[in-house]
């Protein structure tokens, strides 16, 4: 199963309401066959711009990251589910890039200036 990261912005709520919204989201992932690896709370912040969602304008929200493994078929249904949740302002699901085992960084390759200079002299 591929690995994904769900970035959630929840509307500003009390701690118990926020916990209930996160619990609903994680349970929805688990019900669709996902395996949740990590849940990270990034805190409540002011939004970079006002977002209108569910007939309300939001200026601040709680930021959360959910790291999970899931079959690709559930991503569309999960985004649809989160779009209908009145506590979710913005859901974004990103796919983790799996690094190749033998992938190495060659670094910066220095240009060979001597070859260029010799070709001009001829």
PDB file of N, CA and C in Angstrom:
ATOM      1  N   UNK A   1       0.840  -1.181   0.000  1.00  0.00           N
ATOM      2  CA  UNK A   1       0.000   0.000   0.000  1.00  0.00           C
ATOM      3  C   UNK A   1       0.880   1.238   0.000  1.00  0.00           C
ATOM      4  N   UNK A   2       0.527   2.227  -0.789  1.00  0.00           N
ATOM      5  CA  UNK A   2       1.296   3.475  -0.790  1.00  0.00           C
ATOM      6  C   UNK A   2       1.106   4.245   0.508  1.00  0.00           C
ATOM      7  N   UNK A   3       2.053   5.109   0.763  1.00  0.00           N
ATOM      8  CA  UNK A   3       2.024   5.927   1.968  1.00  0.00           C
ATOM      9  C   UNK A   3       1.540   7.330   1.610  1.00  0.00           C
ATOM     10  N   UNK A   4       0.635   7.874   2.430  1.00  0.00           N
ATOM     11  CA  UNK A   4       0.053   9.179   2.198  1.00  0.00           C
ATOM     12  C   UNK A   4       0.172  10.033   3.451  1.00  0.00           C
ATOM     13  N   UNK A   5      -0.021  11.342   3.257  1.00  0.00           N
ATOM     14  CA  UNK A   5      -0.075  12.273   4.374  1.00  0.00           C
ATOM     15  C   UNK A   5      -1.300  13.150   4.185  1.00  0.00           C
ATOM     16  N   UNK A   6      -2.141  13.201   5.203  1.00  0.00           N
ATOM     17  CA  UNK A   6      -3.339  14.014   5.188  1.00  0.00           C
ATOM     18  C   UNK A   6      -3.066  15.274   5.988  1.00  0.00           C
ATOM     19  N   UNK A   7      -3.113  16.417   5.332  1.00  0.00           N
ATOM     20  CA  UNK A   7      -2.965  17.705   6.004  1.00  0.00           C
ATOM     21  C   UNK A   7      -4.365  18.266   6.195  1.00  0.00           C
ATOM     22  N   UNK A   8      -4.737  18.472   7.447  1.00  0.00           N
ATOM     23  CA  UNK A   8      -6.081  18.932   7.777  1.00  0.00           C
ATOM     24  C   UNK A   8      -6.031  20.300   8.426  1.00  0.00           C
ATOM     25  N   UNK A   9      -6.961  21.154   8.049  1.00  0.00           N
ATOM     26  CA  UNK A   9      -7.192  22.387   8.792  1.00  0.00           C
ATOM     27  C   UNK A   9      -8.616  22.287   9.317  1.00  0.00           C
ATOM     28  N   UNK A  10      -8.732  22.264  10.634  1.00  0.00           N
ATOM     29  CA  UNK A  10     -10.045  22.205  11.282  1.00  0.00           C
ATOM     30  C   UNK A  10     -10.421  23.598  11.761  1.00  0.00           C
ATOM     31  N   UNK A  11     -11.725  23.866  11.828  1.00  0.00           N
ATOM     32  CA  UNK A  11     -12.147  25.170  12.321  1.00  0.00           C
ATOM     33  C   UNK A  11     -11.770  25.303  13.794  1.00  0.00           C
ATOM     34  N   UNK A  12     -11.646  26.530  14.267  1.00  0.00           N
ATOM     35  CA  UNK A  12     -11.272  26.785  15.657  1.00  0.00           C
ATOM     36  C   UNK A  12     -12.404  26.318  16.576  1.00  0.00           C
ATOM     37  N   UNK A  13     -12.072  25.362  17.458  1.00  0.00           N
ATOM     38  CA  UNK A  13     -13.063  24.774  18.361  1.00  0.00           C
ATOM     39  C   UNK A  13     -12.418  24.524  19.711  1.00  0.00           C
ATOM     40  N   UNK A  14     -13.255  24.106  20.675  1.00  0.00           N
ATOM     41  CA  UNK A  14     -12.747  23.686  21.968  1.00  0.00           C
ATOM     42  C   UNK A  14     -11.981  22.375  21.810  1.00  0.00           C
ATOM     43  N   UNK A  15     -11.170  22.050  22.780  1.00  0.00           N
ATOM     44  CA  UNK A  15     -10.315  20.864  22.698  1.00  0.00           C
ATOM     45  C   UNK A  15     -11.126  19.575  22.537  1.00  0.00           C
ATOM     46  N   UNK A  16     -12.235  19.441  23.247  1.00  0.00           N
ATOM     47  CA  UNK A  16     -13.027  18.210  23.158  1.00  0.00           C
ATOM     48  C   UNK A  16     -13.663  18.064  21.779  1.00  0.00           C
ATOM     49  N   UNK A  17     -14.128  19.173  21.201  1.00  0.00           N
ATOM     50  CA  UNK A  17     -14.721  19.122  19.867  1.00  0.00           C
ATOM     51  C   UNK A  17     -13.661  18.803  18.814  1.00  0.00           C
ATOM     52  N   UNK A  18     -12.460  19.353  18.997  1.00  0.00           N
ATOM     53  CA  UNK A  18     -11.363  19.080  18.071  1.00  0.00           C
ATOM     54  C   UNK A  18     -10.977  17.606  18.131  1.00  0.00           C
ATOM     55  N   UNK A  19     -10.900  17.062  19.345  1.00  0.00           N
ATOM     56  CA  UNK A  19     -10.563  15.642  19.511  1.00  0.00           C
ATOM     57  C   UNK A  19     -11.618  14.758  18.859  1.00  0.00           C
ATOM     58  N   UNK A  20     -12.882  15.134  18.960  1.00  0.00           N
ATOM     59  CA  UNK A  20     -13.947  14.349  18.341  1.00  0.00           C
ATOM     60  C   UNK A  20     -13.834  14.393  16.810  1.00  0.00           C
ATOM     61  N   UNK A  21     -13.481  15.541  16.250  1.00  0.00           N
ATOM     62  CA  UNK A  21     -13.325  15.655  14.791  1.00  0.00           C
ATOM     63  C   UNK A  21     -12.149  14.817  14.308  1.00  0.00           C
ATOM     64  N   UNK A  22     -11.052  14.837  15.043  1.00  0.00           N
ATOM     65  CA  UNK A  22      -9.883  14.021  14.675  1.00  0.00           C
ATOM     66  C   UNK A  22     -10.225  12.536  14.797  1.00  0.00           C
ATOM     67  N   UNK A  23     -10.941  12.173  15.848  1.00  0.00           N
ATOM     68  CA  UNK A  23     -11.338  10.777  16.037  1.00  0.00           C
ATOM     69  C   UNK A  23     -12.220  10.312  14.876  1.00  0.00           C
ATOM     70  N   UNK A  24     -13.167  11.144  14.442  1.00  0.00           N
ATOM     71  CA  UNK A  24     -14.018  10.796  13.297  1.00  0.00           C
ATOM     72  C   UNK A  24     -13.183  10.579  12.041  1.00  0.00           C
ATOM     73  N   UNK A  25     -12.199  11.441  11.834  1.00  0.00           N
ATOM     74  CA  UNK A  25     -11.354  11.338  10.645  1.00  0.00           C
ATOM     75  C   UNK A  25     -10.532  10.056  10.663  1.00  0.00           C
ATOM     76  N   UNK A  26      -9.908   9.749  11.798  1.00  0.00           N
ATOM     77  CA  UNK A  26      -9.076   8.546  11.904  1.00  0.00           C
ATOM     78  C   UNK A  26      -9.942   7.291  11.774  1.00  0.00           C
ATOM     79  N   UNK A  27     -11.121   7.301  12.381  1.00  0.00           N
ATOM     80  CA  UNK A  27     -12.018   6.146  12.272  1.00  0.00           C
ATOM     81  C   UNK A  27     -12.483   5.947  10.828  1.00  0.00           C
ATOM     82  N   UNK A  28     -12.699   7.041  10.098  1.00  0.00           N
ATOM     83  CA  UNK A  28     -13.087   6.935   8.689  1.00  0.00           C
ATOM     84  C   UNK A  28     -11.948   6.324   7.869  1.00  0.00           C
ATOM     85  N   UNK A  29     -10.711   6.706   8.179  1.00  0.00           N
ATOM     86  CA  UNK A  29      -9.558   6.106   7.493  1.00  0.00           C
ATOM     87  C   UNK A  29      -9.476   4.613   7.783  1.00  0.00           C
ATOM     88  N   UNK A  30      -9.606   4.250   9.058  1.00  0.00           N
ATOM     89  CA  UNK A  30      -9.508   2.844   9.453  1.00  0.00           C
ATOM     90  C   UNK A  30     -10.642   2.012   8.847  1.00  0.00           C
ATOM     91  N   UNK A  31     -11.834   2.578   8.761  1.00  0.00           N
ATOM     92  CA  UNK A  31     -12.976   1.850   8.199  1.00  0.00           C
ATOM     93  C   UNK A  31     -12.783   1.570   6.712  1.00  0.00           C
ATOM     94  N   UNK A  32     -11.975   2.395   6.047  1.00  0.00           N
ATOM     95  CA  UNK A  32     -11.733   2.208   4.614  1.00  0.00           C
ATOM     96  C   UNK A  32     -10.489   1.360   4.336  1.00  0.00           C
ATOM     97  N   UNK A  33      -9.870   0.834   5.377  1.00  0.00           N
ATOM     98  CA  UNK A  33      -8.746  -0.076   5.188  1.00  0.00           C
ATOM     99  C   UNK A  33      -7.372   0.569   5.306  1.00  0.00           C
ATOM    100  N   UNK A  34      -7.299   1.786   5.800  1.00  0.00           N
ATOM    101  CA  UNK A  34      -6.004   2.460   5.962  1.00  0.00           C
ATOM    102  C   UNK A  34      -5.348   2.045   7.275  1.00  0.00           C
ATOM    103  N   UNK A  35      -4.040   2.204   7.321  1.00  0.00           N
ATOM    104  CA  UNK A  35      -3.269   1.961   8.529  1.00  0.00           C
ATOM    105  C   UNK A  35      -2.622   3.288   8.911  1.00  0.00           C
ATOM    106  N   UNK A  36      -3.050   3.845  10.047  1.00  0.00           N
ATOM    107  CA  UNK A  36      -2.552   5.154  10.480  1.00  0.00           C
ATOM    108  C   UNK A  36      -1.219   4.961  11.178  1.00  0.00           C
ATOM    109  N   UNK A  37      -0.193   5.660  10.700  1.00  0.00           N
ATOM    110  CA  UNK A  37       1.151   5.563  11.270  1.00  0.00           C
ATOM    111  C   UNK A  37       1.395   6.615  12.337  1.00  0.00           C
ATOM    112  N   UNK A  38       0.945   7.847  12.092  1.00  0.00           N
ATOM    113  CA  UNK A  38       1.272   8.940  13.000  1.00  0.00           C
ATOM    114  C   UNK A  38       0.214  10.032  12.879  1.00  0.00           C
ATOM    115  N   UNK A  39      -0.019  10.717  13.990  1.00  0.00           N
ATOM    116  CA  UNK A  39      -0.911  11.865  14.033  1.00  0.00           C
ATOM    117  C   UNK A  39      -0.156  12.983  14.726  1.00  0.00           C
ATOM    118  N   UNK A  40      -0.072  14.124  14.067  1.00  0.00           N
ATOM    119  CA  UNK A  40       0.702  15.237  14.613  1.00  0.00           C
ATOM    120  C   UNK A  40      -0.166  16.486  14.673  1.00  0.00           C
ATOM    121  N   UNK A  41      -0.173  17.125  15.836  1.00  0.00           N
ATOM    122  CA  UNK A  41      -0.900  18.373  16.035  1.00  0.00           C
ATOM    123  C   UNK A  41       0.083  19.515  15.850  1.00  0.00           C
ATOM    124  N   UNK A  42      -0.159  20.373  14.874  1.00  0.00           N
ATOM    125  CA  UNK A  42       0.719  21.518  14.616  1.00  0.00           C
ATOM    126  C   UNK A  42       0.223  22.780  15.298  1.00  0.00           C
ATOM    127  N   UNK A  43      -0.891  22.690  16.014  1.00  0.00           N
ATOM    128  CA  UNK A  43      -1.399  23.813  16.781  1.00  0.00           C
ATOM    129  C   UNK A  43      -2.406  24.652  16.012  1.00  0.00           C
ATOM    130  N   UNK A  44      -2.957  25.619  16.730  1.00  0.00           N
ATOM    131  CA  UNK A  44      -3.922  26.530  16.115  1.00  0.00           C
ATOM    132  C   UNK A  44      -3.189  27.769  15.634  1.00  0.00           C
ATOM    133  N   UNK A  45      -3.511  28.175  14.413  1.00  0.00           N
ATOM    134  CA  UNK A  45      -2.840  29.312  13.796  1.00  0.00           C
ATOM    135  C   UNK A  45      -3.848  30.171  13.058  1.00  0.00           C
ATOM    136  N   UNK A  46      -3.440  31.385  12.778  1.00  0.00           N
ATOM    137  CA  UNK A  46      -4.225  32.247  11.916  1.00  0.00           C
ATOM    138  C   UNK A  46      -4.030  31.786  10.478  1.00  0.00           C
ATOM    139  N   UNK A  47      -5.115  31.698   9.744  1.00  0.00           N
ATOM    140  CA  UNK A  47      -5.026  31.269   8.349  1.00  0.00           C
ATOM    141  C   UNK A  47      -4.355  32.358   7.513  1.00  0.00           C
ATOM    142  N   UNK A  48      -3.631  31.977   6.461  1.00  0.00           N
ATOM    143  CA  UNK A  48      -2.955  32.983   5.635  1.00  0.00           C
ATOM    144  C   UNK A  48      -3.940  33.893   4.898  1.00  0.00           C
ATOM    145  N   UNK A  49      -5.161  33.418   4.693  1.00  0.00           N
ATOM    146  CA  UNK A  49      -6.227  34.219   4.084  1.00  0.00           C
ATOM    147  C   UNK A  49      -7.556  33.661   4.580  1.00  0.00           C
ATOM    148  N   UNK A  50      -8.604  34.452   4.494  1.00  0.00           N
ATOM    149  CA  UNK A  50      -9.917  34.003   4.955  1.00  0.00           C
ATOM    150  C   UNK A  50     -10.435  32.913   4.023  1.00  0.00           C
ATOM    151  N   UNK A  51     -10.975  31.850   4.632  1.00  0.00           N
ATOM    152  CA  UNK A  51     -11.510  30.726   3.864  1.00  0.00           C
ATOM    153  C   UNK A  51     -12.996  30.590   4.182  1.00  0.00           C
ATOM    154  N   UNK A  52     -13.815  30.587   3.150  1.00  0.00           N
ATOM    155  CA  UNK A  52     -15.249  30.368   3.326  1.00  0.00           C
ATOM    156  C   UNK A  52     -15.542  28.892   3.103  1.00  0.00           C
ATOM    157  N   UNK A  53     -16.144  28.278   4.103  1.00  0.00           N
ATOM    158  CA  UNK A  53     -16.488  26.855   4.020  1.00  0.00           C
ATOM    159  C   UNK A  53     -17.731  26.614   4.859  1.00  0.00           C
ATOM    160  N   UNK A  54     -18.701  25.905   4.309  1.00  0.00           N
ATOM    161  CA  UNK A  54     -19.942  25.575   4.998  1.00  0.00           C
ATOM    162  C   UNK A  54     -20.657  26.836   5.500  1.00  0.00           C
ATOM    163  N   UNK A  55     -20.739  27.842   4.640  1.00  0.00           N
ATOM    164  CA  UNK A  55     -21.440  29.102   4.907  1.00  0.00           C
ATOM    165  C   UNK A  55     -20.859  29.898   6.080  1.00  0.00           C
ATOM    166  N   UNK A  56     -19.581  29.753   6.347  1.00  0.00           N
ATOM    167  CA  UNK A  56     -18.898  30.533   7.386  1.00  0.00           C
ATOM    168  C   UNK A  56     -17.553  30.981   6.860  1.00  0.00           C
ATOM    169  N   UNK A  57     -17.089  32.128   7.339  1.00  0.00           N
ATOM    170  CA  UNK A  57     -15.761  32.620   6.987  1.00  0.00           C
ATOM    171  C   UNK A  57     -14.827  32.330   8.156  1.00  0.00           C
ATOM    172  N   UNK A  58     -13.728  31.656   7.868  1.00  0.00           N
ATOM    173  CA  UNK A  58     -12.786  31.250   8.914  1.00  0.00           C
ATOM    174  C   UNK A  58     -11.504  32.066   8.802  1.00  0.00           C
ATOM    175  N   UNK A  59     -11.011  32.521   9.956  1.00  0.00           N
ATOM    176  CA  UNK A  59      -9.758  33.273   9.980  1.00  0.00           C
ATOM    177  C   UNK A  59      -8.665  32.544  10.751  1.00  0.00           C
ATOM    178  N   UNK A  60      -9.043  31.521  11.517  1.00  0.00           N
ATOM    179  CA  UNK A  60      -8.039  30.716  12.231  1.00  0.00           C
ATOM    180  C   UNK A  60      -8.508  29.266  12.240  1.00  0.00           C
ATOM    181  N   UNK A  61      -7.549  28.368  12.455  1.00  0.00           N
ATOM    182  CA  UNK A  61      -7.889  26.954  12.452  1.00  0.00           C
ATOM    183  C   UNK A  61      -6.790  26.109  13.059  1.00  0.00           C
ATOM    184  N   UNK A  62      -7.118  24.878  13.365  1.00  0.00           N
ATOM    185  CA  UNK A  62      -6.164  23.919  13.908  1.00  0.00           C
ATOM    186  C   UNK A  62      -5.560  23.097  12.784  1.00  0.00           C
ATOM    187  N   UNK A  63      -4.237  22.996  12.789  1.00  0.00           N
ATOM    188  CA  UNK A  63      -3.509  22.277  11.743  1.00  0.00           C
ATOM    189  C   UNK A  63      -3.096  20.903  12.264  1.00  0.00           C
ATOM    190  N   UNK A  64      -3.357  19.863  11.461  1.00  0.00           N
ATOM    191  CA  UNK A  64      -3.029  18.488  11.834  1.00  0.00           C
ATOM    192  C   UNK A  64      -2.442  17.753  10.641  1.00  0.00           C
ATOM    193  N   UNK A  65      -1.536  16.814  10.922  1.00  0.00           N
ATOM    194  CA  UNK A  65      -0.971  15.936   9.904  1.00  0.00           C
ATOM    195  C   UNK A  65      -1.251  14.497  10.308  1.00  0.00           C
ATOM    196  N   UNK A  66      -1.785  13.706   9.385  1.00  0.00           N
ATOM    197  CA  UNK A  66      -2.040  12.290   9.624  1.00  0.00           C
ATOM    198  C   UNK A  66      -1.257  11.513   8.576  1.00  0.00           C
ATOM    199  N   UNK A  67      -0.322  10.692   9.025  1.00  0.00           N
ATOM    200  CA  UNK A  67       0.505   9.868   8.156  1.00  0.00           C
ATOM    201  C   UNK A  67      -0.115   8.474   8.124  1.00  0.00           C
ATOM    202  N   UNK A  68      -0.420   7.965   6.910  1.00  0.00           N
ATOM    203  CA  UNK A  68      -1.101   6.672   6.832  1.00  0.00           C
ATOM    204  C   UNK A  68      -0.745   5.933   5.549  1.00  0.00           C
ATOM    205  N   UNK A  69      -0.944   4.614   5.582  1.00  0.00           N
ATOM    206  CA  UNK A  69      -0.836   3.743   4.414  1.00  0.00           C
ATOM    207  C   UNK A  69      -2.255   3.357   4.010  1.00  0.00           C
ATOM    208  N   UNK A  70      -2.527   3.391   2.703  1.00  0.00           N
ATOM    209  CA  UNK A  70      -3.878   3.060   2.248  1.00  0.00           C
ATOM    210  C   UNK A  70      -3.855   2.649   0.789  1.00  0.00           C
ATOM    211  N   UNK A  71      -4.857   1.876   0.376  1.00  0.00           N
ATOM    212  CA  UNK A  71      -4.986   1.577  -1.050  1.00  0.00           C
ATOM    213  C   UNK A  71      -5.387   2.857  -1.794  1.00  0.00           C
ATOM    214  N   UNK A  72      -4.898   3.046  -2.998  1.00  0.00           N
ATOM    215  CA  UNK A  72      -5.198   4.279  -3.742  1.00  0.00           C
ATOM    216  C   UNK A  72      -6.687   4.501  -4.008  1.00  0.00           C
ATOM    217  N   UNK A  73      -7.478   3.449  -4.012  1.00  0.00           N
ATOM    218  CA  UNK A  73      -8.900   3.576  -4.325  1.00  0.00           C
ATOM    219  C   UNK A  73      -9.677   4.369  -3.278  1.00  0.00           C
ATOM    220  N   UNK A  74      -9.192   4.468  -2.049  1.00  0.00           N
ATOM    221  CA  UNK A  74      -9.967   5.143  -1.002  1.00  0.00           C
ATOM    222  C   UNK A  74      -9.710   6.647  -0.939  1.00  0.00           C
ATOM    223  N   UNK A  75      -8.739   7.141  -1.658  1.00  0.00           N
ATOM    224  CA  UNK A  75      -8.368   8.557  -1.540  1.00  0.00           C
ATOM    225  C   UNK A  75      -9.527   9.454  -1.974  1.00  0.00           C
ATOM    226  N   UNK A  76     -10.146   9.149  -3.083  1.00  0.00           N
ATOM    227  CA  UNK A  76     -11.254   9.979  -3.577  1.00  0.00           C
ATOM    228  C   UNK A  76     -12.434   9.960  -2.611  1.00  0.00           C
ATOM    229  N   UNK A  77     -12.778   8.781  -2.080  1.00  0.00           N
ATOM    230  CA  UNK A  77     -13.905   8.696  -1.146  1.00  0.00           C
ATOM    231  C   UNK A  77     -13.575   9.393   0.177  1.00  0.00           C
ATOM    232  N   UNK A  78     -12.315   9.344   0.568  1.00  0.00           N
ATOM    233  CA  UNK A  78     -11.919  10.008   1.809  1.00  0.00           C
ATOM    234  C   UNK A  78     -11.999  11.528   1.660  1.00  0.00           C
ATOM    235  N   UNK A  79     -11.561  12.053   0.532  1.00  0.00           N
ATOM    236  CA  UNK A  79     -11.669  13.491   0.297  1.00  0.00           C
ATOM    237  C   UNK A  79     -13.129  13.936   0.227  1.00  0.00           C
ATOM    238  N   UNK A  80     -13.989  13.085  -0.360  1.00  0.00           N
ATOM    239  CA  UNK A  80     -15.414  13.384  -0.400  1.00  0.00           C
ATOM    240  C   UNK A  80     -15.999  13.407   1.011  1.00  0.00           C
ATOM    241  N   UNK A  81     -15.610  12.438   1.826  1.00  0.00           N
ATOM    242  CA  UNK A  81     -16.075  12.369   3.215  1.00  0.00           C
ATOM    243  C   UNK A  81     -15.623  13.609   3.998  1.00  0.00           C
ATOM    244  N   UNK A  82     -14.373  13.993   3.852  1.00  0.00           N
ATOM    245  CA  UNK A  82     -13.848  15.156   4.580  1.00  0.00           C
ATOM    246  C   UNK A  82     -14.467  16.456   4.071  1.00  0.00           C
ATOM    247  N   UNK A  83     -14.818  16.512   2.800  1.00  0.00           N
ATOM    248  CA  UNK A  83     -15.465  17.702   2.255  1.00  0.00           C
ATOM    249  C   UNK A  83     -16.847  17.939   2.828  1.00  0.00           C
ATOM    250  N   UNK A  84     -17.503  16.867   3.267  1.00  0.00           N
ATOM    251  CA  UNK A  84     -18.833  16.990   3.865  1.00  0.00           C
ATOM    252  C   UNK A  84     -18.785  17.222   5.366  1.00  0.00           C
ATOM    253  N   UNK A  85     -17.648  17.023   6.005  1.00  0.00           N
ATOM    254  CA  UNK A  85     -17.517  17.225   7.448  1.00  0.00           C
ATOM    255  C   UNK A  85     -17.515  18.729   7.735  1.00  0.00           C
ATOM    256  N   UNK A  86     -18.436  19.187   8.585  1.00  0.00           N
ATOM    257  CA  UNK A  86     -18.570  20.629   8.819  1.00  0.00           C
ATOM    258  C   UNK A  86     -17.435  21.203   9.661  1.00  0.00           C
ATOM    259  N   UNK A  87     -16.640  20.359  10.300  1.00  0.00           N
ATOM    260  CA  UNK A  87     -15.529  20.846  11.109  1.00  0.00           C
ATOM    261  C   UNK A  87     -14.239  20.991  10.305  1.00  0.00           C
ATOM    262  N   UNK A  88     -14.187  20.420   9.117  1.00  0.00           N
ATOM    263  CA  UNK A  88     -12.980  20.457   8.290  1.00  0.00           C
ATOM    264  C   UNK A  88     -13.053  21.653   7.352  1.00  0.00           C
ATOM    265  N   UNK A  89     -12.028  22.511   7.428  1.00  0.00           N
ATOM    266  CA  UNK A  89     -11.953  23.666   6.535  1.00  0.00           C
ATOM    267  C   UNK A  89     -11.237  23.272   5.244  1.00  0.00           C
ATOM    268  N   UNK A  90     -10.098  22.604   5.361  1.00  0.00           N
ATOM    269  CA  UNK A  90      -9.309  22.273   4.168  1.00  0.00           C
ATOM    270  C   UNK A  90      -8.626  20.922   4.347  1.00  0.00           C
ATOM    271  N   UNK A  91      -9.021  19.888   3.577  1.00  0.00           N
ATOM    272  CA  UNK A  91      -8.287  18.617   3.587  1.00  0.00           C
ATOM    273  C   UNK A  91      -7.377  18.525   2.359  1.00  0.00           C
ATOM    274  N   UNK A  92      -6.169  18.035   2.558  1.00  0.00           N
ATOM    275  CA  UNK A  92      -5.238  17.815   1.457  1.00  0.00           C
ATOM    276  C   UNK A  92      -4.532  16.482   1.693  1.00  0.00           C
ATOM    277  N   UNK A  93      -4.545  15.624   0.680  1.00  0.00           N
ATOM    278  CA  UNK A  93      -3.851  14.337   0.788  1.00  0.00           C
ATOM    279  C   UNK A  93      -2.705  14.331  -0.208  1.00  0.00           C
ATOM    280  N   UNK A  94      -1.509  14.084   0.310  1.00  0.00           N
ATOM    281  CA  UNK A  94      -0.301  14.033  -0.507  1.00  0.00           C
ATOM    282  C   UNK A  94       0.285  12.634  -0.453  1.00  0.00           C
ATOM    283  N   UNK A  95       0.809  12.171  -1.573  1.00  0.00           N
ATOM    284  CA  UNK A  95       1.442  10.859  -1.622  1.00  0.00           C
ATOM    285  C   UNK A  95       2.930  11.018  -1.333  1.00  0.00           C
ATOM    286  N   UNK A  96       3.435  10.168  -0.422  1.00  0.00           N
ATOM    287  CA  UNK A  96       4.867  10.173  -0.126  1.00  0.00           C
ATOM    288  C   UNK A  96       5.622   9.557  -1.290  1.00  0.00           C
ATOM    289  N   UNK A  97       6.719  10.153  -1.645  1.00  0.00           N
ATOM    290  CA  UNK A  97       7.579   9.581  -2.679  1.00  0.00           C
ATOM    291  C   UNK A  97       8.483   8.555  -2.018  1.00  0.00           C
ATOM    292  N   UNK A  98       8.488   7.338  -2.539  1.00  0.00           N
ATOM    293  CA  UNK A  98       9.350   6.309  -1.972  1.00  0.00           C
ATOM    294  C   UNK A  98      10.720   6.398  -2.623  1.00  0.00           C
ATOM    295  N   UNK A  99      11.767   6.633  -1.845  1.00  0.00           N
ATOM    296  CA  UNK A  99      13.108   6.731  -2.426  1.00  0.00           C
ATOM    297  C   UNK A  99      13.605   5.372  -2.894  1.00  0.00           C
ATOM    298  N   UNK A 100      14.313   5.375  -3.997  1.00  0.00           N
ATOM    299  CA  UNK A 100      14.913   4.143  -4.505  1.00  0.00           C
ATOM    300  C   UNK A 100      16.049   3.731  -3.572  1.00  0.00           C
ATOM    301  N   UNK A 101      16.249   2.442  -3.430  1.00  0.00           N
ATOM    302  CA  UNK A 101      17.265   1.937  -2.513  1.00  0.00           C
ATOM    303  C   UNK A 101      18.675   2.302  -2.974  1.00  0.00           C
ATOM    304  N   UNK A 102      18.913   2.296  -4.282  1.00  0.00           N
ATOM    305  CA  UNK A 102      20.254   2.574  -4.786  1.00  0.00           C
ATOM    306  C   UNK A 102      20.396   4.010  -5.292  1.00  0.00           C
ATOM    307  N   UNK A 103      19.440   4.845  -4.964  1.00  0.00           N
ATOM    308  CA  UNK A 103      19.478   6.225  -5.427  1.00  0.00           C
ATOM    309  C   UNK A 103      20.562   6.997  -4.667  1.00  0.00           C
ATOM    310  N   UNK A 104      21.486   7.568  -5.401  1.00  0.00           N
ATOM    311  CA  UNK A 104      22.535   8.368  -4.771  1.00  0.00           C
ATOM    312  C   UNK A 104      22.541   9.744  -5.410  1.00  0.00           C
ATOM    313  N   UNK A 105      22.956  10.702  -4.645  1.00  0.00           N
ATOM    314  CA  UNK A 105      23.035  12.071  -5.133  1.00  0.00           C
ATOM    315  C   UNK A 105      24.433  12.290  -5.699  1.00  0.00           C
ATOM    316  N   UNK A 106      24.536  12.607  -6.980  1.00  0.00           N
ATOM    317  CA  UNK A 106      25.861  12.781  -7.557  1.00  0.00           C
ATOM    318  C   UNK A 106      26.515  14.094  -7.136  1.00  0.00           C
ATOM    319  N   UNK A 107      25.752  14.978  -6.521  1.00  0.00           N
ATOM    320  CA  UNK A 107      26.306  16.270  -6.131  1.00  0.00           C
ATOM    321  C   UNK A 107      26.407  17.179  -7.337  1.00  0.00           C
ATOM    322  N   UNK A 108      27.087  18.275  -7.167  1.00  0.00           N
ATOM    323  CA  UNK A 108      27.269  19.202  -8.274  1.00  0.00           C
ATOM    324  C   UNK A 108      28.427  18.735  -9.139  1.00  0.00           C
ATOM    325  N   UNK A 109      28.197  18.721 -10.408  1.00  0.00           N
ATOM    326  CA  UNK A 109      29.254  18.331 -11.336  1.00  0.00           C
ATOM    327  C   UNK A 109      29.903  19.609 -11.836  1.00  0.00           C
ATOM    328  N   UNK A 110      31.192  19.716 -11.610  1.00  0.00           N
ATOM    329  CA  UNK A 110      31.923  20.906 -12.017  1.00  0.00           C
ATOM    330  C   UNK A 110      32.128  20.898 -13.531  1.00  0.00           C
ATOM    331  N   UNK A 111      31.866  22.002 -14.184  1.00  0.00           N
ATOM    332  CA  UNK A 111      32.092  22.033 -15.626  1.00  0.00           C
ATOM    333  C   UNK A 111      33.581  21.958 -15.931  1.00  0.00           C
ATOM    334  N   UNK A 112      33.898  21.374 -17.050  1.00  0.00           N
ATOM    335  CA  UNK A 112      35.285  21.216 -17.461  1.00  0.00           C
ATOM    336  C   UNK A 112      35.656  22.413 -18.347  1.00  0.00           C
ATOM    337  N   UNK A 113      36.235  23.430 -17.719  1.00  0.00           N
ATOM    338  CA  UNK A 113      36.558  24.656 -18.444  1.00  0.00           C
ATOM    339  C   UNK A 113      37.764  24.489 -19.363  1.00  0.00           C
ATOM    340  N   UNK A 114      38.648  23.574 -19.059  1.00  0.00           N
ATOM    341  CA  UNK A 114      39.839  23.394 -19.888  1.00  0.00           C
ATOM    342  C   UNK A 114      39.471  22.951 -21.298  1.00  0.00           C
ATOM    343  N   UNK A 115      38.482  22.091 -21.416  1.00  0.00           N
ATOM    344  CA  UNK A 115      38.068  21.610 -22.723  1.00  0.00           C
ATOM    345  C   UNK A 115      37.526  22.764 -23.548  1.00  0.00           C
ATOM    346  N   UNK A 116      36.779  23.650 -22.947  1.00  0.00           N
ATOM    347  CA  UNK A 116      36.216  24.791 -23.662  1.00  0.00           C
ATOM    348  C   UNK A 116      37.318  25.747 -24.118  1.00  0.00           C
ATOM    349  N   UNK A 117      38.313  25.962 -23.274  1.00  0.00           N
ATOM    350  CA  UNK A 117      39.395  26.871 -23.642  1.00  0.00           C
ATOM    351  C   UNK A 117      40.233  26.301 -24.791  1.00  0.00           C
ATOM    352  N   UNK A 118      40.486  25.034 -24.766  1.00  0.00           N
ATOM    353  CA  UNK A 118      41.283  24.407 -25.835  1.00  0.00           C
ATOM    354  C   UNK A 118      40.546  24.479 -27.162  1.00  0.00           C
ATOM    355  N   UNK A 119      39.241  24.297 -27.144  1.00  0.00           N
ATOM    356  CA  UNK A 119      38.497  24.310 -28.399  1.00  0.00           C
ATOM    357  C   UNK A 119      38.477  25.702 -29.031  1.00  0.00           C
ATOM    358  N   UNK A 120      38.616  26.762 -28.248  1.00  0.00           N
ATOM    359  CA  UNK A 120      38.640  28.129 -28.786  1.00  0.00           C
ATOM    360  C   UNK A 120      39.965  28.445 -29.443  1.00  0.00           C
ATOM    361  N   UNK A 121      41.024  27.888 -28.931  1.00  0.00           N
ATOM    362  CA  UNK A 121      42.371  28.192 -29.466  1.00  0.00           C
ATOM    363  C   UNK A 121      42.590  27.609 -30.837  1.00  0.00           C
ATOM    364  N   UNK A 122      41.934  26.568 -31.175  1.00  0.00           N
ATOM    365  CA  UNK A 122      42.186  25.889 -32.457  1.00  0.00           C
ATOM    366  C   UNK A 122      41.586  26.589 -33.600  1.00  0.00           C
TER     367      UNK A 122
END
